[in-house]
Amino acid sequence: MKDLEEQRVGGKFCFRLGKTFTETFQRLQQASGEDCLSSTQYHKRLQRFQSGRTSTTDDPKSGWPSMSRDNDYAGKVCVVIHEGGRLTVREVFEKVGICKSFCHMI
């Protein structure tokens, strides 16, 4: 992740110097090798800079919060299942407050 942030900052630096997309992308590839942002990713980032954006960080994501690393939810699902006996998946995910697909994974 740190390397991606460095590439974003490097891209912003080149943009401020007036370098073209091609010049900047070639320099990013040279500096980062295989870990370089794709040309599409960098082009989107460049468009943000051109529209006046100054931040190099990503926008916050919307939608369901990430629960894939949270063992608390797995424990809650197990408790609900053991207490409730025969429940549908819908009943379990509604009681625990997680998305259906995450409930299926557990």
PDB file of N, CA and C in Angstrom:
ATOM      1  N   MET A   1       0.822  -1.194   0.000  1.00  0.00           N
ATOM      2  CA  MET A   1       0.000   0.000   0.000  1.00  0.00           C
ATOM      3  C   MET A   1       0.860   1.249   0.000  1.00  0.00           C
ATOM      4  N   LYS A   2       1.963   1.201   0.728  1.00  0.00           N
ATOM      5  CA  LYS A   2       2.844   2.356   0.796  1.00  0.00           C
ATOM      6  C   LYS A   2       3.386   2.681  -0.589  1.00  0.00           C
ATOM      7  N   ASP A   3       3.737   1.660  -1.357  1.00  0.00           N
ATOM      8  CA  ASP A   3       4.270   1.871  -2.698  1.00  0.00           C
ATOM      9  C   ASP A   3       3.243   2.559  -3.603  1.00  0.00           C
ATOM     10  N   LEU A   4       1.961   2.195  -3.459  1.00  0.00           N
ATOM     11  CA  LEU A   4       0.917   2.837  -4.261  1.00  0.00           C
ATOM     12  C   LEU A   4       0.791   4.311  -3.905  1.00  0.00           C
ATOM     13  N   GLU A   5       0.873   4.610  -2.626  1.00  0.00           N
ATOM     14  CA  GLU A   5       0.801   6.011  -2.199  1.00  0.00           C
ATOM     15  C   GLU A   5       1.985   6.802  -2.755  1.00  0.00           C
ATOM     16  N   GLU A   6       3.161   6.184  -2.758  1.00  0.00           N
ATOM     17  CA  GLU A   6       4.336   6.845  -3.327  1.00  0.00           C
ATOM     18  C   GLU A   6       4.137   7.112  -4.823  1.00  0.00           C
ATOM     19  N   GLN A   7       3.546   6.162  -5.536  1.00  0.00           N
ATOM     20  CA  GLN A   7       3.290   6.358  -6.960  1.00  0.00           C
ATOM     21  C   GLN A   7       2.294   7.487  -7.191  1.00  0.00           C
ATOM     22  N   ARG A   8       1.280   7.566  -6.346  1.00  0.00           N
ATOM     23  CA  ARG A   8       0.290   8.639  -6.481  1.00  0.00           C
ATOM     24  C   ARG A   8       0.940  10.003  -6.258  1.00  0.00           C
ATOM     25  N   VAL A   9       1.794  10.076  -5.241  1.00  0.00           N
ATOM     26  CA  VAL A   9       2.481  11.333  -4.951  1.00  0.00           C
ATOM     27  C   VAL A   9       3.434  11.675  -6.100  1.00  0.00           C
ATOM     28  N   GLY A  10       4.144  10.662  -6.610  1.00  0.00           N
ATOM     29  CA  GLY A  10       5.035  10.893  -7.748  1.00  0.00           C
ATOM     30  C   GLY A  10       4.272  11.370  -8.978  1.00  0.00           C
ATOM     31  N   GLY A  11       3.105  10.782  -9.212  1.00  0.00           N
ATOM     32  CA  GLY A  11       2.269  11.210 -10.332  1.00  0.00           C
ATOM     33  C   GLY A  11       1.793  12.635 -10.166  1.00  0.00           C
ATOM     34  N   LYS A  12       1.421  12.985  -8.950  1.00  0.00           N
ATOM     35  CA  LYS A  12       0.985  14.359  -8.676  1.00  0.00           C
ATOM     36  C   LYS A  12       2.135  15.338  -8.890  1.00  0.00           C
ATOM     37  N   PHE A  13       3.324  14.956  -8.462  1.00  0.00           N
ATOM     38  CA  PHE A  13       4.512  15.792  -8.642  1.00  0.00           C
ATOM     39  C   PHE A  13       4.757  16.048 -10.130  1.00  0.00           C
ATOM     40  N   CYS A  14       4.722  14.982 -10.928  1.00  0.00           N
ATOM     41  CA  CYS A  14       4.936  15.140 -12.382  1.00  0.00           C
ATOM     42  C   CYS A  14       3.840  15.976 -13.021  1.00  0.00           C
ATOM     43  N   PHE A  15       2.605  15.803 -12.555  1.00  0.00           N
ATOM     44  CA  PHE A  15       1.498  16.600 -13.074  1.00  0.00           C
ATOM     45  C   PHE A  15       1.742  18.079 -12.811  1.00  0.00           C
ATOM     46  N   ARG A  16       2.201  18.408 -11.610  1.00  0.00           N
ATOM     47  CA  ARG A  16       2.471  19.803 -11.264  1.00  0.00           C
ATOM     48  C   ARG A  16       3.625  20.385 -12.083  1.00  0.00           C
ATOM     49  N   LEU A  17       4.547  19.506 -12.500  1.00  0.00           N
ATOM     50  CA  LEU A  17       5.655  19.968 -13.340  1.00  0.00           C
ATOM     51  C   LEU A  17       5.245  20.125 -14.803  1.00  0.00           C
ATOM     52  N   GLY A  18       4.019  19.702 -15.126  1.00  0.00           N
ATOM     53  CA  GLY A  18       3.530  19.845 -16.486  1.00  0.00           C
ATOM     54  C   GLY A  18       3.898  18.686 -17.404  1.00  0.00           C
ATOM     55  N   LYS A  19       4.307  17.563 -16.834  1.00  0.00           N
ATOM     56  CA  LYS A  19       4.653  16.395 -17.642  1.00  0.00           C
ATOM     57  C   LYS A  19       3.388  15.790 -18.236  1.00  0.00           C
ATOM     58  N   THR A  20       3.526  15.174 -19.403  1.00  0.00           N
ATOM     59  CA  THR A  20       2.381  14.538 -20.045  1.00  0.00           C
ATOM     60  C   THR A  20       2.065  13.223 -19.353  1.00  0.00           C
ATOM     61  N   PHE A  21       0.902  12.674 -19.679  1.00  0.00           N
ATOM     62  CA  PHE A  21       0.504  11.384 -19.128  1.00  0.00           C
ATOM     63  C   PHE A  21       1.535  10.320 -19.484  1.00  0.00           C
ATOM     64  N   THR A  22       1.955  10.290 -20.742  1.00  0.00           N
ATOM     65  CA  THR A  22       2.900   9.273 -21.204  1.00  0.00           C
ATOM     66  C   THR A  22       4.237   9.389 -20.486  1.00  0.00           C
ATOM     67  N   GLU A  23       4.757  10.604 -20.385  1.00  0.00           N
ATOM     68  CA  GLU A  23       6.036  10.806 -19.689  1.00  0.00           C
ATOM     69  C   GLU A  23       5.944  10.341 -18.234  1.00  0.00           C
ATOM     70  N   THR A  24       4.876  10.738 -17.574  1.00  0.00           N
ATOM     71  CA  THR A  24       4.709  10.396 -16.170  1.00  0.00           C
ATOM     72  C   THR A  24       4.552   8.896 -15.994  1.00  0.00           C
ATOM     73  N   PHE A  25       3.731   8.277 -16.823  1.00  0.00           N
ATOM     74  CA  PHE A  25       3.487   6.847 -16.672  1.00  0.00           C
ATOM     75  C   PHE A  25       4.761   6.047 -16.928  1.00  0.00           C
ATOM     76  N   GLN A  26       5.554   6.477 -17.896  1.00  0.00           N
ATOM     77  CA  GLN A  26       6.822   5.788 -18.157  1.00  0.00           C
ATOM     78  C   GLN A  26       7.756   5.889 -16.955  1.00  0.00           C
ATOM     79  N   ARG A  27       7.779   7.038 -16.311  1.00  0.00           N
ATOM     80  CA  ARG A  27       8.629   7.215 -15.123  1.00  0.00           C
ATOM     81  C   ARG A  27       8.131   6.359 -13.959  1.00  0.00           C
ATOM     82  N   LEU A  28       6.814   6.285 -13.810  1.00  0.00           N
ATOM     83  CA  LEU A  28       6.262   5.443 -12.751  1.00  0.00           C
ATOM     84  C   LEU A  28       6.605   3.971 -12.985  1.00  0.00           C
ATOM     85  N   GLN A  29       6.508   3.549 -14.239  1.00  0.00           N
ATOM     86  CA  GLN A  29       6.863   2.168 -14.574  1.00  0.00           C
ATOM     87  C   GLN A  29       8.339   1.902 -14.309  1.00  0.00           C
ATOM     88  N   GLN A  30       9.166   2.852 -14.662  1.00  0.00           N
ATOM     89  CA  GLN A  30      10.605   2.704 -14.461  1.00  0.00           C
ATOM     90  C   GLN A  30      10.925   2.610 -12.969  1.00  0.00           C
ATOM     91  N   ALA A  31      10.281   3.411 -12.175  1.00  0.00           N
ATOM     92  CA  ALA A  31      10.569   3.443 -10.747  1.00  0.00           C
ATOM     93  C   ALA A  31       9.952   2.260  -9.990  1.00  0.00           C
ATOM     94  N   SER A  32       8.771   1.807 -10.412  1.00  0.00           N
ATOM     95  CA  SER A  32       8.047   0.801  -9.645  1.00  0.00           C
ATOM     96  C   SER A  32       8.087  -0.598 -10.239  1.00  0.00           C
ATOM     97  N   GLY A  33       8.462  -0.721 -11.487  1.00  0.00           N
ATOM     98  CA  GLY A  33       8.530  -2.039 -12.114  1.00  0.00           C
ATOM     99  C   GLY A  33       7.161  -2.689 -12.210  1.00  0.00           C
ATOM    100  N   GLU A  34       7.091  -3.962 -11.799  1.00  0.00           N
ATOM    101  CA  GLU A  34       5.849  -4.724 -11.911  1.00  0.00           C
ATOM    102  C   GLU A  34       4.766  -4.241 -10.946  1.00  0.00           C
ATOM    103  N   ASP A  35       5.154  -3.523  -9.897  1.00  0.00           N
ATOM    104  CA  ASP A  35       4.191  -3.048  -8.908  1.00  0.00           C
ATOM    105  C   ASP A  35       3.551  -1.723  -9.302  1.00  0.00           C
ATOM    106  N   CYS A  36       3.753  -1.309 -10.529  1.00  0.00           N
ATOM    107  CA  CYS A  36       3.250  -0.016 -10.995  1.00  0.00           C
ATOM    108  C   CYS A  36       1.728  -0.040 -11.159  1.00  0.00           C
ATOM    109  N   LEU A  37       1.109   1.106 -10.894  1.00  0.00           N
ATOM    110  CA  LEU A  37      -0.311   1.277 -11.197  1.00  0.00           C
ATOM    111  C   LEU A  37      -0.536   0.978 -12.671  1.00  0.00           C
ATOM    112  N   SER A  38      -1.717   0.499 -13.022  1.00  0.00           N
ATOM    113  CA  SER A  38      -2.021   0.291 -14.435  1.00  0.00           C
ATOM    114  C   SER A  38      -2.229   1.659 -15.093  1.00  0.00           C
ATOM    115  N   SER A  39      -2.136   1.680 -16.414  1.00  0.00           N
ATOM    116  CA  SER A  39      -2.317   2.961 -17.112  1.00  0.00           C
ATOM    117  C   SER A  39      -3.719   3.502 -16.884  1.00  0.00           C
ATOM    118  N   THR A  40      -4.710   2.614 -16.780  1.00  0.00           N
ATOM    119  CA  THR A  40      -6.087   3.052 -16.534  1.00  0.00           C
ATOM    120  C   THR A  40      -6.211   3.683 -15.155  1.00  0.00           C
ATOM    121  N   GLN A  41      -5.612   3.040 -14.148  1.00  0.00           N
ATOM    122  CA  GLN A  41      -5.665   3.594 -12.792  1.00  0.00           C
ATOM    123  C   GLN A  41      -4.991   4.968 -12.734  1.00  0.00           C
ATOM    124  N   TYR A  42      -3.827   5.066 -13.371  1.00  0.00           N
ATOM    125  CA  TYR A  42      -3.144   6.348 -13.314  1.00  0.00           C
ATOM    126  C   TYR A  42      -3.899   7.407 -14.119  1.00  0.00           C
ATOM    127  N   HIS A  43      -4.508   7.016 -15.242  1.00  0.00           N
ATOM    128  CA  HIS A  43      -5.256   7.983 -16.051  1.00  0.00           C
ATOM    129  C   HIS A  43      -6.424   8.549 -15.247  1.00  0.00           C
ATOM    130  N   LYS A  44      -7.118   7.700 -14.502  1.00  0.00           N
ATOM    131  CA  LYS A  44      -8.215   8.183 -13.651  1.00  0.00           C
ATOM    132  C   LYS A  44      -7.687   9.138 -12.590  1.00  0.00           C
ATOM    133  N   ARG A  45      -6.534   8.808 -12.018  1.00  0.00           N
ATOM    134  CA  ARG A  45      -5.925   9.659 -11.003  1.00  0.00           C
ATOM    135  C   ARG A  45      -5.536  11.011 -11.611  1.00  0.00           C
ATOM    136  N   LEU A  46      -4.977  10.987 -12.820  1.00  0.00           N
ATOM    137  CA  LEU A  46      -4.585  12.214 -13.506  1.00  0.00           C
ATOM    138  C   LEU A  46      -5.801  13.101 -13.770  1.00  0.00           C
ATOM    139  N   GLN A  47      -6.903  12.479 -14.171  1.00  0.00           N
ATOM    140  CA  GLN A  47      -8.122  13.254 -14.408  1.00  0.00           C
ATOM    141  C   GLN A  47      -8.595  13.942 -13.130  1.00  0.00           C
ATOM    142  N   ARG A  48      -8.433  13.286 -11.996  1.00  0.00           N
ATOM    143  CA  ARG A  48      -8.805  13.908 -10.724  1.00  0.00           C
ATOM    144  C   ARG A  48      -7.937  15.130 -10.445  1.00  0.00           C
ATOM    145  N   PHE A  49      -6.629  15.007 -10.704  1.00  0.00           N
ATOM    146  CA  PHE A  49      -5.736  16.151 -10.506  1.00  0.00           C
ATOM    147  C   PHE A  49      -6.112  17.295 -11.447  1.00  0.00           C
ATOM    148  N   GLN A  50      -6.441  16.961 -12.692  1.00  0.00           N
ATOM    149  CA  GLN A  50      -6.800  17.985 -13.668  1.00  0.00           C
ATOM    150  C   GLN A  50      -8.093  18.706 -13.284  1.00  0.00           C
ATOM    151  N   SER A  51      -8.979  18.009 -12.580  1.00  0.00           N
ATOM    152  CA  SER A  51     -10.240  18.636 -12.173  1.00  0.00           C
ATOM    153  C   SER A  51     -10.096  19.440 -10.874  1.00  0.00           C
ATOM    154  N   GLY A  52      -8.867  19.491 -10.328  1.00  0.00           N
ATOM    155  CA  GLY A  52      -8.613  20.324  -9.162  1.00  0.00           C
ATOM    156  C   GLY A  52      -8.419  19.577  -7.860  1.00  0.00           C
ATOM    157  N   ARG A  53      -8.510  18.291  -7.891  1.00  0.00           N
ATOM    158  CA  ARG A  53      -8.300  17.509  -6.663  1.00  0.00           C
ATOM    159  C   ARG A  53      -6.841  17.589  -6.246  1.00  0.00           C
ATOM    160  N   THR A  54      -6.599  17.700  -4.959  1.00  0.00           N
ATOM    161  CA  THR A  54      -5.221  17.784  -4.480  1.00  0.00           C
ATOM    162  C   THR A  54      -4.811  16.568  -3.654  1.00  0.00           C
ATOM    163  N   SER A  55      -5.768  15.819  -3.134  1.00  0.00           N
ATOM    164  CA  SER A  55      -5.471  14.676  -2.280  1.00  0.00           C
ATOM    165  C   SER A  55      -5.024  13.470  -3.109  1.00  0.00           C
ATOM    166  N   THR A  56      -4.075  12.710  -2.581  1.00  0.00           N
ATOM    167  CA  THR A  56      -3.621  11.503  -3.263  1.00  0.00           C
ATOM    168  C   THR A  56      -4.251  10.249  -2.661  1.00  0.00           C
ATOM    169  N   THR A  57      -5.082  10.413  -1.629  1.00  0.00           N
ATOM    170  CA  THR A  57      -5.724   9.260  -1.000  1.00  0.00           C
ATOM    171  C   THR A  57      -7.033   8.929  -1.704  1.00  0.00           C
ATOM    172  N   ASP A  58      -7.497   7.700  -1.521  1.00  0.00           N
ATOM    173  CA  ASP A  58      -8.759   7.266  -2.112  1.00  0.00           C
ATOM    174  C   ASP A  58      -9.934   7.852  -1.353  1.00  0.00           C
ATOM    175  N   ASP A  59     -11.065   7.960  -2.045  1.00  0.00           N
ATOM    176  CA  ASP A  59     -12.297   8.377  -1.390  1.00  0.00           C
ATOM    177  C   ASP A  59     -12.794   7.238  -0.513  1.00  0.00           C
ATOM    178  N   PRO A  60     -13.531   7.551   0.557  1.00  0.00           N
ATOM    179  CA  PRO A  60     -14.096   6.481   1.373  1.00  0.00           C
ATOM    180  C   PRO A  60     -15.092   5.662   0.548  1.00  0.00           C
ATOM    181  N   LYS A  61     -15.119   4.383   0.803  1.00  0.00           N
ATOM    182  CA  LYS A  61     -16.025   3.488   0.082  1.00  0.00           C
ATOM    183  C   LYS A  61     -17.392   3.496   0.747  1.00  0.00           C
ATOM    184  N   SER A  62     -18.432   3.340  -0.062  1.00  0.00           N
ATOM    185  CA  SER A  62     -19.777   3.265   0.482  1.00  0.00           C
ATOM    186  C   SER A  62     -20.237   1.812   0.481  1.00  0.00           C
ATOM    187  N   GLY A  63     -21.379   1.561   1.054  1.00  0.00           N
ATOM    188  CA  GLY A  63     -21.921   0.203   1.056  1.00  0.00           C
ATOM    189  C   GLY A  63     -21.679  -0.497   2.375  1.00  0.00           C
ATOM    190  N   TRP A  64     -21.752  -1.808   2.327  1.00  0.00           N
ATOM    191  CA  TRP A  64     -21.572  -2.621   3.524  1.00  0.00           C
ATOM    192  C   TRP A  64     -20.160  -2.453   4.063  1.00  0.00           C
ATOM    193  N   PRO A  65     -20.001  -2.372   5.360  1.00  0.00           N
ATOM    194  CA  PRO A  65     -18.650  -2.316   5.923  1.00  0.00           C
ATOM    195  C   PRO A  65     -17.962  -3.652   5.738  1.00  0.00           C
ATOM    196  N   SER A  66     -16.652  -3.627   5.658  1.00  0.00           N
ATOM    197  CA  SER A  66     -15.890  -4.847   5.504  1.00  0.00           C
ATOM    198  C   SER A  66     -15.954  -5.659   6.790  1.00  0.00           C
ATOM    199  N   MET A  67     -16.376  -6.910   6.645  1.00  0.00           N
ATOM    200  CA  MET A  67     -16.497  -7.768   7.818  1.00  0.00           C
ATOM    201  C   MET A  67     -15.672  -9.033   7.657  1.00  0.00           C
ATOM    202  N   SER A  68     -14.944  -9.144   6.574  1.00  0.00           N
ATOM    203  CA  SER A  68     -14.269 -10.397   6.286  1.00  0.00           C
ATOM    204  C   SER A  68     -13.205 -10.748   7.315  1.00  0.00           C
ATOM    205  N   ARG A  69     -12.673  -9.790   8.017  1.00  0.00           N
ATOM    206  CA  ARG A  69     -11.615 -10.062   8.991  1.00  0.00           C
ATOM    207  C   ARG A  69     -12.120 -10.004  10.427  1.00  0.00           C
ATOM    208  N   ASP A  70     -13.408  -9.896  10.603  1.00  0.00           N
ATOM    209  CA  ASP A  70     -13.940  -9.683  11.935  1.00  0.00           C
ATOM    210  C   ASP A  70     -14.493 -10.998  12.501  1.00  0.00           C
ATOM    211  N   ASN A  71     -13.759 -11.588  13.420  1.00  0.00           N
ATOM    212  CA  ASN A  71     -14.179 -12.852  14.023  1.00  0.00           C
ATOM    213  C   ASN A  71     -15.365 -12.684  14.965  1.00  0.00           C
ATOM    214  N   ASP A  72     -15.638 -11.456  15.407  1.00  0.00           N
ATOM    215  CA  ASP A  72     -16.780 -11.230  16.283  1.00  0.00           C
ATOM    216  C   ASP A  72     -18.080 -11.637  15.613  1.00  0.00           C
ATOM    217  N   TYR A  73     -18.200 -11.344  14.325  1.00  0.00           N
ATOM    218  CA  TYR A  73     -19.420 -11.693  13.604  1.00  0.00           C
ATOM    219  C   TYR A  73     -19.571 -13.198  13.487  1.00  0.00           C
ATOM    220  N   ALA A  74     -18.484 -13.909  13.260  1.00  0.00           N
ATOM    221  CA  ALA A  74     -18.550 -15.368  13.185  1.00  0.00           C
ATOM    222  C   ALA A  74     -19.033 -15.934  14.520  1.00  0.00           C
ATOM    223  N   GLY A  75     -18.522 -15.387  15.602  1.00  0.00           N
ATOM    224  CA  GLY A  75     -18.967 -15.823  16.925  1.00  0.00           C
ATOM    225  C   GLY A  75     -20.433 -15.528  17.168  1.00  0.00           C
ATOM    226  N   LYS A  76     -20.882 -14.337  16.745  1.00  0.00           N
ATOM    227  CA  LYS A  76     -22.288 -13.963  16.913  1.00  0.00           C
ATOM    228  C   LYS A  76     -23.195 -14.882  16.118  1.00  0.00           C
ATOM    229  N   VAL A  77     -22.786 -15.234  14.894  1.00  0.00           N
ATOM    230  CA  VAL A  77     -23.582 -16.132  14.064  1.00  0.00           C
ATOM    231  C   VAL A  77     -23.703 -17.495  14.748  1.00  0.00           C
ATOM    232  N   CYS A  78     -22.596 -17.987  15.261  1.00  0.00           N
ATOM    233  CA  CYS A  78     -22.616 -19.292  15.947  1.00  0.00           C
ATOM    234  C   CYS A  78     -23.542 -19.266  17.151  1.00  0.00           C
ATOM    235  N   VAL A  79     -23.497 -18.191  17.935  1.00  0.00           N
ATOM    236  CA  VAL A  79     -24.361 -18.076  19.108  1.00  0.00           C
ATOM    237  C   VAL A  79     -25.829 -18.072  18.691  1.00  0.00           C
ATOM    238  N   VAL A  80     -26.164 -17.286  17.662  1.00  0.00           N
ATOM    239  CA  VAL A  80     -27.550 -17.210  17.200  1.00  0.00           C
ATOM    240  C   VAL A  80     -28.027 -18.577  16.710  1.00  0.00           C
ATOM    241  N   ILE A  81     -27.188 -19.288  15.992  1.00  0.00           N
ATOM    242  CA  ILE A  81     -27.569 -20.605  15.469  1.00  0.00           C
ATOM    243  C   ILE A  81     -27.775 -21.596  16.613  1.00  0.00           C
ATOM    244  N   HIS A  82     -26.874 -21.606  17.582  1.00  0.00           N
ATOM    245  CA  HIS A  82     -26.987 -22.547  18.700  1.00  0.00           C
ATOM    246  C   HIS A  82     -28.187 -22.234  19.594  1.00  0.00           C
ATOM    247  N   GLU A  83     -28.505 -20.973  19.761  1.00  0.00           N
ATOM    248  CA  GLU A  83     -29.643 -20.593  20.597  1.00  0.00           C
ATOM    249  C   GLU A  83     -30.965 -20.794  19.888  1.00  0.00           C
ATOM    250  N   GLY A  84     -30.969 -20.554  18.574  1.00  0.00           N
ATOM    251  CA  GLY A  84     -32.232 -20.540  17.844  1.00  0.00           C
ATOM    252  C   GLY A  84     -32.655 -21.857  17.236  1.00  0.00           C
ATOM    253  N   GLY A  85     -31.799 -22.834  17.236  1.00  0.00           N
ATOM    254  CA  GLY A  85     -32.175 -24.109  16.626  1.00  0.00           C
ATOM    255  C   GLY A  85     -32.206 -24.002  15.112  1.00  0.00           C
ATOM    256  N   ARG A  86     -33.329 -24.363  14.529  1.00  0.00           N
ATOM    257  CA  ARG A  86     -33.455 -24.355  13.067  1.00  0.00           C
ATOM    258  C   ARG A  86     -33.885 -22.968  12.592  1.00  0.00           C
ATOM    259  N   LEU A  87     -32.948 -22.239  12.046  1.00  0.00           N
ATOM    260  CA  LEU A  87     -33.218 -20.891  11.533  1.00  0.00           C
ATOM    261  C   LEU A  87     -32.842 -20.825  10.070  1.00  0.00           C
ATOM    262  N   THR A  88     -33.497 -19.942   9.348  1.00  0.00           N
ATOM    263  CA  THR A  88     -33.096 -19.704   7.961  1.00  0.00           C
ATOM    264  C   THR A  88     -31.891 -18.768   7.959  1.00  0.00           C
ATOM    265  N   VAL A  89     -31.202 -18.741   6.832  1.00  0.00           N
ATOM    266  CA  VAL A  89     -30.066 -17.824   6.693  1.00  0.00           C
ATOM    267  C   VAL A  89     -30.542 -16.390   6.861  1.00  0.00           C
ATOM    268  N   ARG A  90     -31.703 -16.084   6.323  1.00  0.00           N
ATOM    269  CA  ARG A  90     -32.257 -14.731   6.443  1.00  0.00           C
ATOM    270  C   ARG A  90     -32.443 -14.346   7.906  1.00  0.00           C
ATOM    271  N   GLU A  91     -33.008 -15.251   8.693  1.00  0.00           N
ATOM    272  CA  GLU A  91     -33.214 -14.961  10.108  1.00  0.00           C
ATOM    273  C   GLU A  91     -31.888 -14.722  10.823  1.00  0.00           C
ATOM    274  N   VAL A  92     -30.874 -15.496  10.472  1.00  0.00           N
ATOM    275  CA  VAL A  92     -29.570 -15.348  11.119  1.00  0.00           C
ATOM    276  C   VAL A  92     -28.942 -14.011  10.760  1.00  0.00           C
ATOM    277  N   PHE A  93     -28.865 -13.681   9.445  1.00  0.00           N
ATOM    278  CA  PHE A  93     -28.175 -12.432   9.093  1.00  0.00           C
ATOM    279  C   PHE A  93     -28.943 -11.205   9.544  1.00  0.00           C
ATOM    280  N   GLU A  94     -30.274 -11.300   9.659  1.00  0.00           N
ATOM    281  CA  GLU A  94     -31.034 -10.162  10.165  1.00  0.00           C
ATOM    282  C   GLU A  94     -30.810  -9.970  11.671  1.00  0.00           C
ATOM    283  N   LYS A  95     -30.711 -11.086  12.418  1.00  0.00           N
ATOM    284  CA  LYS A  95     -30.472 -10.984  13.861  1.00  0.00           C
ATOM    285  C   LYS A  95     -29.074 -10.459  14.176  1.00  0.00           C
ATOM    286  N   VAL A  96     -28.080 -10.901  13.389  1.00  0.00           N
ATOM    287  CA  VAL A  96     -26.698 -10.502  13.652  1.00  0.00           C
ATOM    288  C   VAL A  96     -26.404  -9.123  13.057  1.00  0.00           C
ATOM    289  N   GLY A  97     -27.090  -8.780  11.966  1.00  0.00           N
ATOM    290  CA  GLY A  97     -26.870  -7.474  11.322  1.00  0.00           C
ATOM    291  C   GLY A  97     -25.728  -7.473  10.329  1.00  0.00           C
ATOM    292  N   ILE A  98     -25.593  -8.573   9.586  1.00  0.00           N
ATOM    293  CA  ILE A  98     -24.558  -8.667   8.555  1.00  0.00           C
ATOM    294  C   ILE A  98     -25.214  -8.968   7.217  1.00  0.00           C
ATOM    295  N   CYS A  99     -24.426  -8.939   6.156  1.00  0.00           N
ATOM    296  CA  CYS A  99     -24.977  -9.207   4.842  1.00  0.00           C
ATOM    297  C   CYS A  99     -25.140 -10.715   4.627  1.00  0.00           C
ATOM    298  N   LYS A 100     -26.032 -11.053   3.711  1.00  0.00           N
ATOM    299  CA  LYS A 100     -26.373 -12.451   3.440  1.00  0.00           C
ATOM    300  C   LYS A 100     -25.173 -13.270   2.986  1.00  0.00           C
ATOM    301  N   SER A 101     -24.360 -12.715   2.091  1.00  0.00           N
ATOM    302  CA  SER A 101     -23.230 -13.469   1.564  1.00  0.00           C
ATOM    303  C   SER A 101     -22.194 -13.771   2.657  1.00  0.00           C
ATOM    304  N   PHE A 102     -21.989 -12.839   3.584  1.00  0.00           N
ATOM    305  CA  PHE A 102     -21.056 -13.069   4.676  1.00  0.00           C
ATOM    306  C   PHE A 102     -21.589 -14.155   5.605  1.00  0.00           C
ATOM    307  N   CYS A 103     -22.897 -14.139   5.820  1.00  0.00           N
ATOM    308  CA  CYS A 103     -23.527 -15.156   6.655  1.00  0.00           C
ATOM    309  C   CYS A 103     -23.351 -16.534   6.012  1.00  0.00           C
ATOM    310  N   HIS A 104     -23.506 -16.622   4.701  1.00  0.00           N
ATOM    311  CA  HIS A 104     -23.291 -17.884   3.995  1.00  0.00           C
ATOM    312  C   HIS A 104     -21.846 -18.354   4.148  1.00  0.00           C
ATOM    313  N   MET A 105     -20.894 -17.436   4.078  1.00  0.00           N
ATOM    314  CA  MET A 105     -19.482 -17.823   4.224  1.00  0.00           C
ATOM    315  C   MET A 105     -19.218 -18.433   5.592  1.00  0.00           C
ATOM    316  N   ILE A 106     -19.833 -17.859   6.611  1.00  0.00           N
ATOM    317  CA  ILE A 106     -19.630 -18.377   7.974  1.00  0.00           C
ATOM    318  C   ILE A 106     -20.273 -19.732   8.107  1.00  0.00           C
TER     319      ILE A 106
END
